[in-house]
Amino acid sequence: MSDTNYVKKDTFEKMKEELQHMKGVERPAASKAIAEAREKGDLKENAEYDAAKEAQGMLEAKIKYLEGVIATARILDETNIDTSKVSILTKVTVTNLGTKKQVTYQIVSEKEADLKLGKISVTSPIGKGLLGKTIGEVAEVQVPAGQLKFKIEDITI
């Protein structure tokens, strides 16, 4: 995971808080659950012990992942964003030339992506296809359902 993760400052702070919670609250709770299950006897036939160990393993994997994301995070300042072309953190209004529908997307990092909120990942097919385009350009994007054409109508922050 050597790729840079572009995030806004508030997202970075939330990730740090989540990591602290996992390390300070969830990790000790997982250890306690294992200790309690171990006290119940034979470990070979102890489903509670197996479940506690599995939960601890999943928690450790999440912690490791989040530490990697934080280590490679680059905090973006919204005041320095160039709106002459589509880039990360810009909001781009596009018209789907196939359906004539107009949609506004904000290009964000994978960690912040949420289609319901109109936030698409910079690494998604549409995000990649829109990057670097200017107002008036047509982006041809290959998606699993086929090829889409989007006309760039507006770029804002």
C-alpha atoms as a PDB file:
ATOM      1  CA  MET A   1       0.000   0.000   0.000  1.00  0.00           C
ATOM      2  CA  SER A   2       2.556   2.577  -1.135  1.00  0.00           C
ATOM      3  CA  ASP A   3      -0.021   4.656  -3.031  1.00  0.00           C
ATOM      4  CA  THR A   4      -0.667   8.111  -1.663  1.00  0.00           C
ATOM      5  CA  ASN A   5      -4.090   8.554  -0.059  1.00  0.00           C
ATOM      6  CA  TYR A   6      -5.404  12.064  -0.620  1.00  0.00           C
ATOM      7  CA  VAL A   7      -7.746  13.123   2.155  1.00  0.00           C
ATOM      8  CA  LYS A   8      -9.205  16.265   3.658  1.00  0.00           C
ATOM      9  CA  LYS A   9      -8.017  17.283   7.108  1.00  0.00           C
ATOM     10  CA  ASP A  10     -11.285  16.297   8.836  1.00  0.00           C
ATOM     11  CA  THR A  11     -11.155  12.812   7.270  1.00  0.00           C
ATOM     12  CA  PHE A  12      -7.550  12.425   8.408  1.00  0.00           C
ATOM     13  CA  GLU A  13      -8.522  13.383  11.968  1.00  0.00           C
ATOM     14  CA  LYS A  14     -11.445  10.886  11.927  1.00  0.00           C
ATOM     15  CA  MET A  15      -9.092   8.110  10.792  1.00  0.00           C
ATOM     16  CA  LYS A  16      -6.665   8.914  13.617  1.00  0.00           C
ATOM     17  CA  GLU A  17      -9.524   8.867  16.162  1.00  0.00           C
ATOM     18  CA  GLU A  18     -10.789   5.541  14.777  1.00  0.00           C
ATOM     19  CA  LEU A  19      -7.290   4.043  15.044  1.00  0.00           C
ATOM     20  CA  GLN A  20      -6.900   5.265  18.648  1.00  0.00           C
ATOM     21  CA  HIS A  21     -10.298   3.756  19.518  1.00  0.00           C
ATOM     22  CA  MET A  22      -9.336   0.406  18.003  1.00  0.00           C
ATOM     23  CA  LYS A  23      -6.004   0.331  19.821  1.00  0.00           C
ATOM     24  CA  GLY A  24      -7.207   1.740  23.138  1.00  0.00           C
ATOM     25  CA  VAL A  25     -10.693   0.230  23.502  1.00  0.00           C
ATOM     26  CA  GLU A  26     -11.334  -2.600  21.048  1.00  0.00           C
ATOM     27  CA  ARG A  27      -7.920  -4.309  21.316  1.00  0.00           C
ATOM     28  CA  PRO A  28      -8.055  -4.652  25.144  1.00  0.00           C
ATOM     29  CA  ALA A  29     -11.672  -5.866  24.879  1.00  0.00           C
ATOM     30  CA  ALA A  30     -10.616  -8.538  22.367  1.00  0.00           C
ATOM     31  CA  SER A  31      -7.796  -9.687  24.649  1.00  0.00           C
ATOM     32  CA  LYS A  32     -10.206  -9.871  27.586  1.00  0.00           C
ATOM     33  CA  ALA A  33     -12.678 -11.944  25.535  1.00  0.00           C
ATOM     34  CA  ILE A  34      -9.897 -14.409  24.663  1.00  0.00           C
ATOM     35  CA  ALA A  35      -8.812 -14.660  28.306  1.00  0.00           C
ATOM     36  CA  GLU A  36     -12.400 -15.304  29.443  1.00  0.00           C
ATOM     37  CA  ALA A  37     -12.913 -17.967  26.772  1.00  0.00           C
ATOM     38  CA  ARG A  38      -9.591 -19.612  27.680  1.00  0.00           C
ATOM     39  CA  GLU A  39     -10.749 -19.963  31.296  1.00  0.00           C
ATOM     40  CA  LYS A  40     -13.684 -22.096  30.150  1.00  0.00           C
ATOM     41  CA  GLY A  41     -11.494 -25.133  29.569  1.00  0.00           C
ATOM     42  CA  ASP A  42     -10.493 -27.319  26.625  1.00  0.00           C
ATOM     43  CA  LEU A  43      -9.422 -25.050  23.750  1.00  0.00           C
ATOM     44  CA  LYS A  44      -9.892 -27.744  21.073  1.00  0.00           C
ATOM     45  CA  GLU A  45     -13.666 -27.692  21.408  1.00  0.00           C
ATOM     46  CA  ASN A  46     -14.164 -24.121  22.562  1.00  0.00           C
ATOM     47  CA  ALA A  47     -16.103 -22.201  19.889  1.00  0.00           C
ATOM     48  CA  GLU A  48     -16.106 -19.072  22.030  1.00  0.00           C
ATOM     49  CA  TYR A  49     -12.284 -19.093  22.103  1.00  0.00           C
ATOM     50  CA  ASP A  50     -12.095 -19.623  18.307  1.00  0.00           C
ATOM     51  CA  ALA A  51     -14.543 -16.768  17.699  1.00  0.00           C
ATOM     52  CA  ALA A  52     -12.629 -14.428  20.032  1.00  0.00           C
ATOM     53  CA  LYS A  53      -9.326 -15.282  18.294  1.00  0.00           C
ATOM     54  CA  GLU A  54     -10.888 -14.692  14.866  1.00  0.00           C
ATOM     55  CA  ALA A  55     -12.362 -11.345  15.975  1.00  0.00           C
ATOM     56  CA  GLN A  56      -8.951 -10.324  17.318  1.00  0.00           C
ATOM     57  CA  GLY A  57      -7.321 -11.268  14.009  1.00  0.00           C
ATOM     58  CA  MET A  58      -9.823  -9.194  12.058  1.00  0.00           C
ATOM     59  CA  LEU A  59      -9.311  -6.241  14.413  1.00  0.00           C
ATOM     60  CA  GLU A  60      -5.529  -6.452  14.003  1.00  0.00           C
ATOM     61  CA  ALA A  61      -5.950  -6.512  10.211  1.00  0.00           C
ATOM     62  CA  LYS A  62      -8.138  -3.382  10.365  1.00  0.00           C
ATOM     63  CA  ILE A  63      -5.576  -1.644  12.593  1.00  0.00           C
ATOM     64  CA  LYS A  64      -2.744  -2.545  10.210  1.00  0.00           C
ATOM     65  CA  TYR A  65      -4.761  -1.319   7.192  1.00  0.00           C
ATOM     66  CA  LEU A  66      -5.679   1.975   8.870  1.00  0.00           C
ATOM     67  CA  GLU A  67      -2.081   2.530   9.986  1.00  0.00           C
ATOM     68  CA  GLY A  68      -1.023   2.083   6.351  1.00  0.00           C
ATOM     69  CA  VAL A  69      -3.645   4.535   5.104  1.00  0.00           C
ATOM     70  CA  ILE A  70      -2.620   7.121   7.702  1.00  0.00           C
ATOM     71  CA  ALA A  71       1.090   6.618   6.962  1.00  0.00           C
ATOM     72  CA  THR A  72       0.542   7.314   3.254  1.00  0.00           C
ATOM     73  CA  ALA A  73      -2.048  10.070   3.707  1.00  0.00           C
ATOM     74  CA  ARG A  74      -1.532  13.424   2.128  1.00  0.00           C
ATOM     75  CA  ILE A  75      -3.782  16.150   3.481  1.00  0.00           C
ATOM     76  CA  LEU A  76      -5.278  18.344   0.792  1.00  0.00           C
ATOM     77  CA  ASP A  77      -6.066  21.987   1.340  1.00  0.00           C
ATOM     78  CA  GLU A  78      -9.262  22.933  -0.492  1.00  0.00           C
ATOM     79  CA  THR A  79      -8.092  26.554  -0.889  1.00  0.00           C
ATOM     80  CA  ASN A  80      -5.229  25.529  -3.215  1.00  0.00           C
ATOM     81  CA  ILE A  81      -7.292  23.514  -5.699  1.00  0.00           C
ATOM     82  CA  ASP A  82      -7.118  24.433  -9.382  1.00  0.00           C
ATOM     83  CA  THR A  83     -10.640  24.463 -10.863  1.00  0.00           C
ATOM     84  CA  SER A  84      -9.536  24.871 -14.491  1.00  0.00           C
ATOM     85  CA  LYS A  85      -9.500  21.071 -14.775  1.00  0.00           C
ATOM     86  CA  VAL A  86     -11.001  18.116 -12.917  1.00  0.00           C
ATOM     87  CA  SER A  87      -8.798  17.036 -10.016  1.00  0.00           C
ATOM     88  CA  ILE A  88      -9.191  15.445  -6.601  1.00  0.00           C
ATOM     89  CA  LEU A  89     -11.632  17.341  -4.323  1.00  0.00           C
ATOM     90  CA  THR A  90     -13.203  19.267  -7.214  1.00  0.00           C
ATOM     91  CA  LYS A  91     -16.928  19.033  -7.847  1.00  0.00           C
ATOM     92  CA  VAL A  92     -17.633  18.365 -11.494  1.00  0.00           C
ATOM     93  CA  THR A  93     -21.020  18.735 -13.135  1.00  0.00           C
ATOM     94  CA  VAL A  94     -21.370  16.438 -16.121  1.00  0.00           C
ATOM     95  CA  THR A  95     -24.049  15.573 -18.639  1.00  0.00           C
ATOM     96  CA  ASN A  96     -24.312  11.916 -19.561  1.00  0.00           C
ATOM     97  CA  LEU A  97     -24.598  12.184 -23.352  1.00  0.00           C
ATOM     98  CA  GLY A  98     -26.409   8.823 -23.511  1.00  0.00           C
ATOM     99  CA  THR A  99     -29.210   9.681 -21.080  1.00  0.00           C
ATOM    100  CA  LYS A 100     -28.957  13.519 -21.194  1.00  0.00           C
ATOM    101  CA  LYS A 101     -29.023  13.495 -17.379  1.00  0.00           C
ATOM    102  CA  GLN A 102     -26.913  16.017 -15.519  1.00  0.00           C
ATOM    103  CA  VAL A 103     -25.082  14.911 -12.365  1.00  0.00           C
ATOM    104  CA  THR A 104     -22.568  16.534 -10.024  1.00  0.00           C
ATOM    105  CA  TYR A 105     -19.799  14.403  -8.526  1.00  0.00           C
ATOM    106  CA  GLN A 106     -17.067  15.292  -6.102  1.00  0.00           C
ATOM    107  CA  ILE A 107     -13.807  13.476  -6.842  1.00  0.00           C
ATOM    108  CA  VAL A 108     -12.425  12.141  -3.536  1.00  0.00           C
ATOM    109  CA  SER A 109     -10.049   9.506  -2.152  1.00  0.00           C
ATOM    110  CA  GLU A 110     -11.163   5.882  -1.866  1.00  0.00           C
ATOM    111  CA  LYS A 111     -11.588   6.323   1.905  1.00  0.00           C
ATOM    112  CA  GLU A 112     -14.077   9.201   1.430  1.00  0.00           C
ATOM    113  CA  ALA A 113     -16.056   7.803  -1.525  1.00  0.00           C
ATOM    114  CA  ASP A 114     -19.835   7.576  -1.005  1.00  0.00           C
ATOM    115  CA  LEU A 115     -21.987   7.482  -4.113  1.00  0.00           C
ATOM    116  CA  LYS A 116     -25.149   8.371  -2.149  1.00  0.00           C
ATOM    117  CA  LEU A 117     -23.471  11.690  -1.290  1.00  0.00           C
ATOM    118  CA  GLY A 118     -22.218  12.188  -4.856  1.00  0.00           C
ATOM    119  CA  LYS A 119     -18.614  11.468  -3.863  1.00  0.00           C
ATOM    120  CA  ILE A 120     -16.790   9.161  -6.270  1.00  0.00           C
ATOM    121  CA  SER A 121     -13.344   7.698  -5.839  1.00  0.00           C
ATOM    122  CA  VAL A 122     -10.458   9.082  -7.860  1.00  0.00           C
ATOM    123  CA  THR A 123      -9.584   5.429  -8.616  1.00  0.00           C
ATOM    124  CA  SER A 124     -13.050   4.473  -9.925  1.00  0.00           C
ATOM    125  CA  PRO A 125     -13.533   4.183 -13.705  1.00  0.00           C
ATOM    126  CA  ILE A 126     -15.607   7.390 -13.831  1.00  0.00           C
ATOM    127  CA  GLY A 127     -13.199   9.228 -11.495  1.00  0.00           C
ATOM    128  CA  LYS A 128     -10.198   8.226 -13.616  1.00  0.00           C
ATOM    129  CA  GLY A 129     -12.033   9.160 -16.817  1.00  0.00           C
ATOM    130  CA  LEU A 130     -12.925  12.648 -15.586  1.00  0.00           C
ATOM    131  CA  LEU A 131      -9.497  13.536 -14.136  1.00  0.00           C
ATOM    132  CA  GLY A 132      -7.657  16.250 -16.031  1.00  0.00           C
ATOM    133  CA  LYS A 133     -10.628  17.196 -18.219  1.00  0.00           C
ATOM    134  CA  THR A 134     -11.671  20.840 -18.685  1.00  0.00           C
ATOM    135  CA  ILE A 135     -15.080  22.485 -19.141  1.00  0.00           C
ATOM    136  CA  GLY A 136     -16.561  21.599 -22.520  1.00  0.00           C
ATOM    137  CA  GLU A 137     -14.507  18.419 -22.970  1.00  0.00           C
ATOM    138  CA  VAL A 138     -16.148  15.014 -23.406  1.00  0.00           C
ATOM    139  CA  ALA A 139     -14.810  12.181 -21.258  1.00  0.00           C
ATOM    140  CA  GLU A 140     -15.246   8.683 -22.630  1.00  0.00           C
ATOM    141  CA  VAL A 141     -15.349   6.274 -19.687  1.00  0.00           C
ATOM    142  CA  GLN A 142     -15.228   2.489 -19.922  1.00  0.00           C
ATOM    143  CA  VAL A 143     -17.426   0.955 -17.217  1.00  0.00           C
ATOM    144  CA  PRO A 144     -18.578  -2.657 -16.721  1.00  0.00           C
ATOM    145  CA  ALA A 145     -21.886  -1.827 -18.468  1.00  0.00           C
ATOM    146  CA  GLY A 146     -20.122  -0.411 -21.537  1.00  0.00           C
ATOM    147  CA  GLN A 147     -18.812   2.979 -22.576  1.00  0.00           C
ATOM    148  CA  LEU A 148     -20.264   6.211 -21.196  1.00  0.00           C
ATOM    149  CA  LYS A 149     -19.683   9.712 -22.528  1.00  0.00           C
ATOM    150  CA  PHE A 150     -19.773  12.645 -20.133  1.00  0.00           C
ATOM    151  CA  LYS A 151     -19.608  16.299 -21.181  1.00  0.00           C
ATOM    152  CA  ILE A 152     -17.929  18.450 -18.547  1.00  0.00           C
ATOM    153  CA  GLU A 153     -20.325  21.338 -17.749  1.00  0.00           C
ATOM    154  CA  ASP A 154     -18.775  22.943 -14.651  1.00  0.00           C
ATOM    155  CA  ILE A 155     -15.894  22.495 -12.200  1.00  0.00           C
ATOM    156  CA  THR A 156     -16.054  23.970  -8.679  1.00  0.00           C
ATOM    157  CA  ILE A 157     -14.777  23.335  -5.172  1.00  0.00           C
END
